[in-house]
Amino acid sequence: MRTILLNVDAGELVDEPNELVGLAHVVHIACGGHAGDAETMRSTLHRAKSAGTRVGAHPSYPDRDGFGRRPMSIGLDELHASLTNQVNALARLAGDEGLTLTSLKAHGALYHAANEDPALAILLVDIAKNALPSPMTVVGPPSGCLQTATIEHGLTFLAEGFADRRYEADGSLRARSRAGALLDNVEEATLQARTLASSGRYGTLCVHGDGLRALPILAALRGLFP
């Protein structure tokens, strides 16, 4: 089985368990688009530094009301400016902690839209390439526009699977609006993680920090992928 990195989306909830950050290899930190502010970014960065966890940016459509999980009609220039501000704000705070952002993973609706729209994919890659202080690895689905744009622009791409989201028979993620879209059972999530890792398609597996059972699921996975 290939080496698998565990990543967690964090800095999104005020009551987020502190242990989440230490169980992941990489934490992608909300930086103000869908959630998070300077205080939560500093706190999450500090916890990551203490745990020795790598840090990455988790930018989003500027949509706090919808938690970044609904499509948004926004001009590319406006979106570019918003994402740049989000990522650079996190990068500056990371620098204050002596940390460097190593990856960029879009959140929610933007994550999926960028994988289907070449212009959005290029926009995200441009953000990653020009972010402070250095180019980042781009995290996304195992095939699609985002992977293509990342490779074409000379950055490293890391294919991601989800341990706590249900997949359809065709390999697509089940829509969150449908029953059973979220896997909150530790055994079921662990079995899915084993299956995804064994497929050879993925370099990282995600657990959503806002999930009901995020902590026990991530703890179980860290036992599989130390």
C-alpha atoms as a PDB file:
ATOM      1  CA  MET A   1       0.000   0.000   0.000  1.00  0.00           C
ATOM      2  CA  ARG A   2       1.411   3.409  -0.964  1.00  0.00           C
ATOM      3  CA  THR A   3       2.132   6.065   1.646  1.00  0.00           C
ATOM      4  CA  ILE A   4      -1.044   7.932   2.563  1.00  0.00           C
ATOM      5  CA  LEU A   5      -1.181  11.345   4.201  1.00  0.00           C
ATOM      6  CA  LEU A   6      -4.144  12.113   6.420  1.00  0.00           C
ATOM      7  CA  ASN A   7      -5.474  15.628   6.096  1.00  0.00           C
ATOM      8  CA  VAL A   8      -8.142  17.384   8.118  1.00  0.00           C
ATOM      9  CA  ASP A   9     -10.054  20.566   7.346  1.00  0.00           C
ATOM     10  CA  ALA A  10      -9.948  22.675  10.490  1.00  0.00           C
ATOM     11  CA  GLY A  11     -10.307  26.146  11.965  1.00  0.00           C
ATOM     12  CA  GLU A  12     -13.997  26.131  11.044  1.00  0.00           C
ATOM     13  CA  LEU A  13     -15.788  25.595  14.367  1.00  0.00           C
ATOM     14  CA  VAL A  14     -15.444  27.323  17.723  1.00  0.00           C
ATOM     15  CA  ASP A  15     -15.763  24.016  19.589  1.00  0.00           C
ATOM     16  CA  GLU A  16     -13.375  22.048  17.387  1.00  0.00           C
ATOM     17  CA  PRO A  17     -11.505  19.327  19.336  1.00  0.00           C
ATOM     18  CA  ASN A  18      -7.884  20.340  19.878  1.00  0.00           C
ATOM     19  CA  GLU A  19      -6.742  16.752  19.250  1.00  0.00           C
ATOM     20  CA  LEU A  20      -7.812  16.831  15.587  1.00  0.00           C
ATOM     21  CA  VAL A  21      -4.780  18.776  14.461  1.00  0.00           C
ATOM     22  CA  GLY A  22      -2.324  16.428  16.144  1.00  0.00           C
ATOM     23  CA  LEU A  23      -3.845  13.303  14.576  1.00  0.00           C
ATOM     24  CA  ALA A  24      -3.477  14.563  11.007  1.00  0.00           C
ATOM     25  CA  HIS A  25      -0.321  14.753   8.930  1.00  0.00           C
ATOM     26  CA  VAL A  26      -1.585  17.959   7.285  1.00  0.00           C
ATOM     27  CA  VAL A  27      -4.198  20.461   8.451  1.00  0.00           C
ATOM     28  CA  HIS A  28      -5.929  22.707   5.918  1.00  0.00           C
ATOM     29  CA  ILE A  29      -6.991  25.850   7.718  1.00  0.00           C
ATOM     30  CA  ALA A  30     -10.072  27.896   6.894  1.00  0.00           C
ATOM     31  CA  CYS A  31      -8.868  31.406   6.127  1.00  0.00           C
ATOM     32  CA  GLY A  32     -11.949  33.595   6.143  1.00  0.00           C
ATOM     33  CA  GLY A  33     -13.905  32.734   3.016  1.00  0.00           C
ATOM     34  CA  HIS A  34     -16.422  30.265   4.432  1.00  0.00           C
ATOM     35  CA  ALA A  35     -15.245  30.261   8.043  1.00  0.00           C
ATOM     36  CA  GLY A  36     -12.385  31.356  10.240  1.00  0.00           C
ATOM     37  CA  ASP A  37     -10.805  34.637  11.249  1.00  0.00           C
ATOM     38  CA  ALA A  38      -7.449  35.842  12.501  1.00  0.00           C
ATOM     39  CA  GLU A  39      -8.048  34.387  15.958  1.00  0.00           C
ATOM     40  CA  THR A  40      -9.019  30.897  14.757  1.00  0.00           C
ATOM     41  CA  MET A  41      -6.192  30.876  12.231  1.00  0.00           C
ATOM     42  CA  ARG A  42      -3.637  31.758  14.917  1.00  0.00           C
ATOM     43  CA  SER A  43      -5.030  29.148  17.282  1.00  0.00           C
ATOM     44  CA  THR A  44      -4.997  26.380  14.676  1.00  0.00           C
ATOM     45  CA  LEU A  45      -1.515  27.306  13.495  1.00  0.00           C
ATOM     46  CA  HIS A  46      -0.249  27.267  17.078  1.00  0.00           C
ATOM     47  CA  ARG A  47      -1.738  23.820  17.703  1.00  0.00           C
ATOM     48  CA  ALA A  48      -0.249  22.538  14.456  1.00  0.00           C
ATOM     49  CA  LYS A  49       3.184  23.822  15.377  1.00  0.00           C
ATOM     50  CA  SER A  50       2.990  22.176  18.793  1.00  0.00           C
ATOM     51  CA  ALA A  51       1.942  18.861  17.208  1.00  0.00           C
ATOM     52  CA  GLY A  52       4.431  18.982  14.344  1.00  0.00           C
ATOM     53  CA  THR A  53       1.599  18.909  11.785  1.00  0.00           C
ATOM     54  CA  ARG A  54       2.072  20.453   8.365  1.00  0.00           C
ATOM     55  CA  VAL A  55      -0.204  23.352   7.480  1.00  0.00           C
ATOM     56  CA  GLY A  56      -2.032  24.300   4.304  1.00  0.00           C
ATOM     57  CA  ALA A  57      -4.590  26.850   3.151  1.00  0.00           C
ATOM     58  CA  HIS A  58      -8.304  26.070   2.808  1.00  0.00           C
ATOM     59  CA  PRO A  59      -9.743  29.022   0.861  1.00  0.00           C
ATOM     60  CA  SER A  60     -13.309  29.223  -0.367  1.00  0.00           C
ATOM     61  CA  TYR A  61     -15.831  31.260  -2.218  1.00  0.00           C
ATOM     62  CA  PRO A  62     -16.525  34.315  -0.012  1.00  0.00           C
ATOM     63  CA  ASP A  63     -19.745  32.782   1.311  1.00  0.00           C
ATOM     64  CA  ARG A  64     -19.910  32.554   5.076  1.00  0.00           C
ATOM     65  CA  ASP A  65     -23.709  32.304   5.116  1.00  0.00           C
ATOM     66  CA  GLY A  66     -23.615  29.163   2.963  1.00  0.00           C
ATOM     67  CA  PHE A  67     -20.397  27.801   4.523  1.00  0.00           C
ATOM     68  CA  GLY A  68     -18.903  27.810   1.029  1.00  0.00           C
ATOM     69  CA  ARG A  69     -20.951  24.780   0.025  1.00  0.00           C
ATOM     70  CA  ARG A  70     -23.183  26.358  -2.598  1.00  0.00           C
ATOM     71  CA  PRO A  71     -22.239  27.464  -6.113  1.00  0.00           C
ATOM     72  CA  MET A  72     -21.516  31.174  -6.391  1.00  0.00           C
ATOM     73  CA  SER A  73     -21.661  33.516  -9.371  1.00  0.00           C
ATOM     74  CA  ILE A  74     -18.617  35.742  -9.055  1.00  0.00           C
ATOM     75  CA  GLY A  75     -16.211  37.300 -11.557  1.00  0.00           C
ATOM     76  CA  LEU A  76     -12.797  35.717 -11.910  1.00  0.00           C
ATOM     77  CA  ASP A  77     -10.979  38.934 -10.963  1.00  0.00           C
ATOM     78  CA  GLU A  78     -13.077  39.363  -7.830  1.00  0.00           C
ATOM     79  CA  LEU A  79     -12.621  35.720  -6.888  1.00  0.00           C
ATOM     80  CA  HIS A  80      -8.875  35.903  -7.494  1.00  0.00           C
ATOM     81  CA  ALA A  81      -8.600  38.922  -5.205  1.00  0.00           C
ATOM     82  CA  SER A  82     -10.638  37.229  -2.474  1.00  0.00           C
ATOM     83  CA  LEU A  83      -8.647  33.991  -2.595  1.00  0.00           C
ATOM     84  CA  THR A  84      -5.346  35.857  -2.661  1.00  0.00           C
ATOM     85  CA  ASN A  85      -6.341  37.829   0.418  1.00  0.00           C
ATOM     86  CA  GLN A  86      -7.446  34.659   2.210  1.00  0.00           C
ATOM     87  CA  VAL A  87      -4.287  32.684   1.487  1.00  0.00           C
ATOM     88  CA  ASN A  88      -1.888  35.561   2.106  1.00  0.00           C
ATOM     89  CA  ALA A  89      -3.556  36.370   5.432  1.00  0.00           C
ATOM     90  CA  LEU A  90      -2.989  32.793   6.579  1.00  0.00           C
ATOM     91  CA  ALA A  91       0.550  32.768   5.189  1.00  0.00           C
ATOM     92  CA  ARG A  92       1.479  35.889   7.149  1.00  0.00           C
ATOM     93  CA  LEU A  93       0.110  34.431  10.378  1.00  0.00           C
ATOM     94  CA  ALA A  94       1.908  31.154   9.675  1.00  0.00           C
ATOM     95  CA  GLY A  95       5.131  33.110   9.263  1.00  0.00           C
ATOM     96  CA  ASP A  96       4.596  34.632  12.701  1.00  0.00           C
ATOM     97  CA  GLU A  97       4.593  31.061  14.057  1.00  0.00           C
ATOM     98  CA  GLY A  98       7.666  30.119  12.041  1.00  0.00           C
ATOM     99  CA  LEU A  99       5.584  27.895   9.765  1.00  0.00           C
ATOM    100  CA  THR A 100       5.336  27.645   5.988  1.00  0.00           C
ATOM    101  CA  LEU A 101       2.155  26.726   4.147  1.00  0.00           C
ATOM    102  CA  THR A 102       2.849  23.580   2.155  1.00  0.00           C
ATOM    103  CA  SER A 103      -0.451  22.987   0.345  1.00  0.00           C
ATOM    104  CA  LEU A 104      -3.628  24.554  -0.945  1.00  0.00           C
ATOM    105  CA  LYS A 105      -6.991  22.822  -0.960  1.00  0.00           C
ATOM    106  CA  ALA A 106     -10.107  24.676  -2.029  1.00  0.00           C
ATOM    107  CA  HIS A 107     -13.214  24.235   0.082  1.00  0.00           C
ATOM    108  CA  GLY A 108     -16.681  23.007  -0.782  1.00  0.00           C
ATOM    109  CA  ALA A 109     -18.341  24.270  -3.925  1.00  0.00           C
ATOM    110  CA  LEU A 110     -15.138  25.883  -5.182  1.00  0.00           C
ATOM    111  CA  TYR A 111     -13.275  22.567  -4.865  1.00  0.00           C
ATOM    112  CA  HIS A 112     -15.739  20.870  -7.198  1.00  0.00           C
ATOM    113  CA  ALA A 113     -16.240  23.808  -9.562  1.00  0.00           C
ATOM    114  CA  ALA A 114     -12.495  24.196 -10.116  1.00  0.00           C
ATOM    115  CA  ASN A 115     -12.242  20.550 -11.084  1.00  0.00           C
ATOM    116  CA  GLU A 116     -14.855  21.028 -13.808  1.00  0.00           C
ATOM    117  CA  ASP A 117     -13.969  24.522 -15.068  1.00  0.00           C
ATOM    118  CA  PRO A 118     -10.506  25.027 -16.629  1.00  0.00           C
ATOM    119  CA  ALA A 119     -10.551  28.783 -15.932  1.00  0.00           C
ATOM    120  CA  LEU A 120     -11.239  28.231 -12.235  1.00  0.00           C
ATOM    121  CA  ALA A 121      -8.612  25.499 -12.095  1.00  0.00           C
ATOM    122  CA  ILE A 122      -5.980  27.831 -13.566  1.00  0.00           C
ATOM    123  CA  LEU A 123      -7.042  30.560 -11.139  1.00  0.00           C
ATOM    124  CA  LEU A 124      -6.502  28.270  -8.153  1.00  0.00           C
ATOM    125  CA  VAL A 125      -3.158  27.076  -9.452  1.00  0.00           C
ATOM    126  CA  ASP A 126      -2.087  30.695  -9.946  1.00  0.00           C
ATOM    127  CA  ILE A 127      -2.990  31.421  -6.323  1.00  0.00           C
ATOM    128  CA  ALA A 128      -0.956  28.416  -5.178  1.00  0.00           C
ATOM    129  CA  LYS A 129       1.990  29.313  -7.377  1.00  0.00           C
ATOM    130  CA  ASN A 130       2.198  32.929  -6.274  1.00  0.00           C
ATOM    131  CA  ALA A 131       1.172  32.631  -2.634  1.00  0.00           C
ATOM    132  CA  LEU A 132       3.496  33.759   0.080  1.00  0.00           C
ATOM    133  CA  PRO A 133       6.111  32.551   0.707  1.00  0.00           C
ATOM    134  CA  SER A 134       6.519  29.765  -1.897  1.00  0.00           C
ATOM    135  CA  PRO A 135       4.608  27.529  -4.331  1.00  0.00           C
ATOM    136  CA  MET A 136       2.294  25.006  -2.699  1.00  0.00           C
ATOM    137  CA  THR A 137       1.160  21.491  -3.469  1.00  0.00           C
ATOM    138  CA  VAL A 138      -2.385  21.559  -4.845  1.00  0.00           C
ATOM    139  CA  VAL A 139      -4.834  19.037  -3.371  1.00  0.00           C
ATOM    140  CA  GLY A 140      -7.862  17.891  -5.355  1.00  0.00           C
ATOM    141  CA  PRO A 141      -9.812  15.041  -6.958  1.00  0.00           C
ATOM    142  CA  PRO A 142      -7.791  12.272  -8.640  1.00  0.00           C
ATOM    143  CA  SER A 143      -8.683  13.408 -12.168  1.00  0.00           C
ATOM    144  CA  GLY A 144     -10.072  16.504 -13.815  1.00  0.00           C
ATOM    145  CA  CYS A 145      -9.250  20.104 -14.644  1.00  0.00           C
ATOM    146  CA  LEU A 146      -7.461  20.853 -11.383  1.00  0.00           C
ATOM    147  CA  GLN A 147      -4.985  18.027 -11.750  1.00  0.00           C
ATOM    148  CA  THR A 148      -4.339  18.966 -15.381  1.00  0.00           C
ATOM    149  CA  ALA A 149      -3.788  22.655 -14.633  1.00  0.00           C
ATOM    150  CA  THR A 150      -1.526  21.916 -11.673  1.00  0.00           C
ATOM    151  CA  ILE A 151       0.761  19.635 -13.652  1.00  0.00           C
ATOM    152  CA  GLU A 152       0.813  21.913 -16.698  1.00  0.00           C
ATOM    153  CA  HIS A 153       1.937  24.820 -14.519  1.00  0.00           C
ATOM    154  CA  GLY A 154       4.734  22.868 -12.883  1.00  0.00           C
ATOM    155  CA  LEU A 155       3.309  22.374  -9.388  1.00  0.00           C
ATOM    156  CA  THR A 156       2.879  19.176  -7.409  1.00  0.00           C
ATOM    157  CA  PHE A 157      -0.596  17.655  -7.348  1.00  0.00           C
ATOM    158  CA  LEU A 158      -1.861  15.428  -4.542  1.00  0.00           C
ATOM    159  CA  ALA A 159      -4.959  13.336  -5.304  1.00  0.00           C
ATOM    160  CA  GLU A 160      -7.466  13.239  -2.472  1.00  0.00           C
ATOM    161  CA  GLY A 161     -10.098  10.777  -1.311  1.00  0.00           C
ATOM    162  CA  PHE A 162     -12.623  11.206   1.491  1.00  0.00           C
ATOM    163  CA  ALA A 163     -12.858   8.766   4.362  1.00  0.00           C
ATOM    164  CA  ASP A 164     -16.050  10.299   5.733  1.00  0.00           C
ATOM    165  CA  ARG A 165     -18.061  10.844   2.548  1.00  0.00           C
ATOM    166  CA  ARG A 166     -20.006   8.166   0.685  1.00  0.00           C
ATOM    167  CA  TYR A 167     -19.118   7.414  -2.943  1.00  0.00           C
ATOM    168  CA  GLU A 168     -21.577   6.416  -5.641  1.00  0.00           C
ATOM    169  CA  ALA A 169     -21.018   3.372  -7.864  1.00  0.00           C
ATOM    170  CA  ASP A 170     -19.516   5.611 -10.579  1.00  0.00           C
ATOM    171  CA  GLY A 171     -16.892   6.956  -8.184  1.00  0.00           C
ATOM    172  CA  SER A 172     -18.516  10.346  -7.618  1.00  0.00           C
ATOM    173  CA  LEU A 173     -19.263  11.706  -4.169  1.00  0.00           C
ATOM    174  CA  ARG A 174     -22.854  11.430  -3.038  1.00  0.00           C
ATOM    175  CA  ALA A 175     -24.444  14.874  -2.824  1.00  0.00           C
ATOM    176  CA  ARG A 176     -24.683  16.177   0.732  1.00  0.00           C
ATOM    177  CA  SER A 177     -28.405  16.734   0.176  1.00  0.00           C
ATOM    178  CA  ARG A 178     -28.957  12.971  -0.156  1.00  0.00           C
ATOM    179  CA  ALA A 179     -29.363  10.511   2.710  1.00  0.00           C
ATOM    180  CA  GLY A 180     -26.220   8.680   3.732  1.00  0.00           C
ATOM    181  CA  ALA A 181     -23.827  11.196   2.178  1.00  0.00           C
ATOM    182  CA  LEU A 182     -21.799  11.450   5.383  1.00  0.00           C
ATOM    183  CA  LEU A 183     -20.073   8.499   7.025  1.00  0.00           C
ATOM    184  CA  ASP A 184     -20.200   8.918  10.797  1.00  0.00           C
ATOM    185  CA  ASN A 185     -19.590   5.263  11.649  1.00  0.00           C
ATOM    186  CA  VAL A 186     -15.933   4.683  12.531  1.00  0.00           C
ATOM    187  CA  GLU A 187     -15.818   1.115  11.192  1.00  0.00           C
ATOM    188  CA  GLU A 188     -17.459   2.100   7.910  1.00  0.00           C
ATOM    189  CA  ALA A 189     -15.152   5.081   7.425  1.00  0.00           C
ATOM    190  CA  THR A 190     -12.112   2.948   8.228  1.00  0.00           C
ATOM    191  CA  LEU A 191     -13.145   0.295   5.711  1.00  0.00           C
ATOM    192  CA  GLN A 192     -13.641   2.935   3.047  1.00  0.00           C
ATOM    193  CA  ALA A 193     -10.245   4.449   3.826  1.00  0.00           C
ATOM    194  CA  ARG A 194      -8.611   1.034   3.357  1.00  0.00           C
ATOM    195  CA  THR A 195     -10.381   0.601   0.019  1.00  0.00           C
ATOM    196  CA  LEU A 196      -9.395   4.052  -1.227  1.00  0.00           C
ATOM    197  CA  ALA A 197      -5.784   3.617  -0.154  1.00  0.00           C
ATOM    198  CA  SER A 198      -5.545   0.188  -1.776  1.00  0.00           C
ATOM    199  CA  SER A 199      -6.788   1.551  -5.106  1.00  0.00           C
ATOM    200  CA  GLY A 200      -3.510   3.367  -5.719  1.00  0.00           C
ATOM    201  CA  ARG A 201      -5.345   6.483  -6.924  1.00  0.00           C
ATOM    202  CA  TYR A 202      -4.916   8.616  -3.824  1.00  0.00           C
ATOM    203  CA  GLY A 203      -2.036  10.238  -1.985  1.00  0.00           C
ATOM    204  CA  THR A 204      -4.098  11.753   0.796  1.00  0.00           C
ATOM    205  CA  LEU A 205      -7.345  10.999   2.606  1.00  0.00           C
ATOM    206  CA  CYS A 206      -9.491  13.683   4.204  1.00  0.00           C
ATOM    207  CA  VAL A 207     -11.572  13.768   7.347  1.00  0.00           C
ATOM    208  CA  HIS A 208     -13.791  16.842   7.678  1.00  0.00           C
ATOM    209  CA  GLY A 209     -13.170  18.599  10.962  1.00  0.00           C
ATOM    210  CA  ASP A 210     -16.833  19.595  11.254  1.00  0.00           C
ATOM    211  CA  GLY A 211     -18.023  15.980  11.046  1.00  0.00           C
ATOM    212  CA  LEU A 212     -19.964  14.517  13.971  1.00  0.00           C
ATOM    213  CA  ARG A 213     -17.412  11.734  14.492  1.00  0.00           C
ATOM    214  CA  ALA A 214     -14.323  13.414  13.091  1.00  0.00           C
ATOM    215  CA  LEU A 215     -12.123  12.761  16.110  1.00  0.00           C
ATOM    216  CA  PRO A 216     -12.676   8.985  16.518  1.00  0.00           C
ATOM    217  CA  ILE A 217     -12.533   8.462  12.749  1.00  0.00           C
ATOM    218  CA  LEU A 218      -9.245  10.321  12.439  1.00  0.00           C
ATOM    219  CA  ALA A 219      -7.836   8.498  15.454  1.00  0.00           C
ATOM    220  CA  ALA A 220      -8.691   5.141  13.902  1.00  0.00           C
ATOM    221  CA  LEU A 221      -7.153   6.157  10.573  1.00  0.00           C
ATOM    222  CA  ARG A 222      -3.947   7.336  12.201  1.00  0.00           C
ATOM    223  CA  GLY A 223      -3.579   3.806  13.504  1.00  0.00           C
ATOM    224  CA  LEU A 224      -3.720   2.576   9.896  1.00  0.00           C
ATOM    225  CA  PHE A 225      -1.564   5.327   8.416  1.00  0.00           C
ATOM    226  CA  PRO A 226       0.971   6.313  11.109  1.00  0.00           C
END
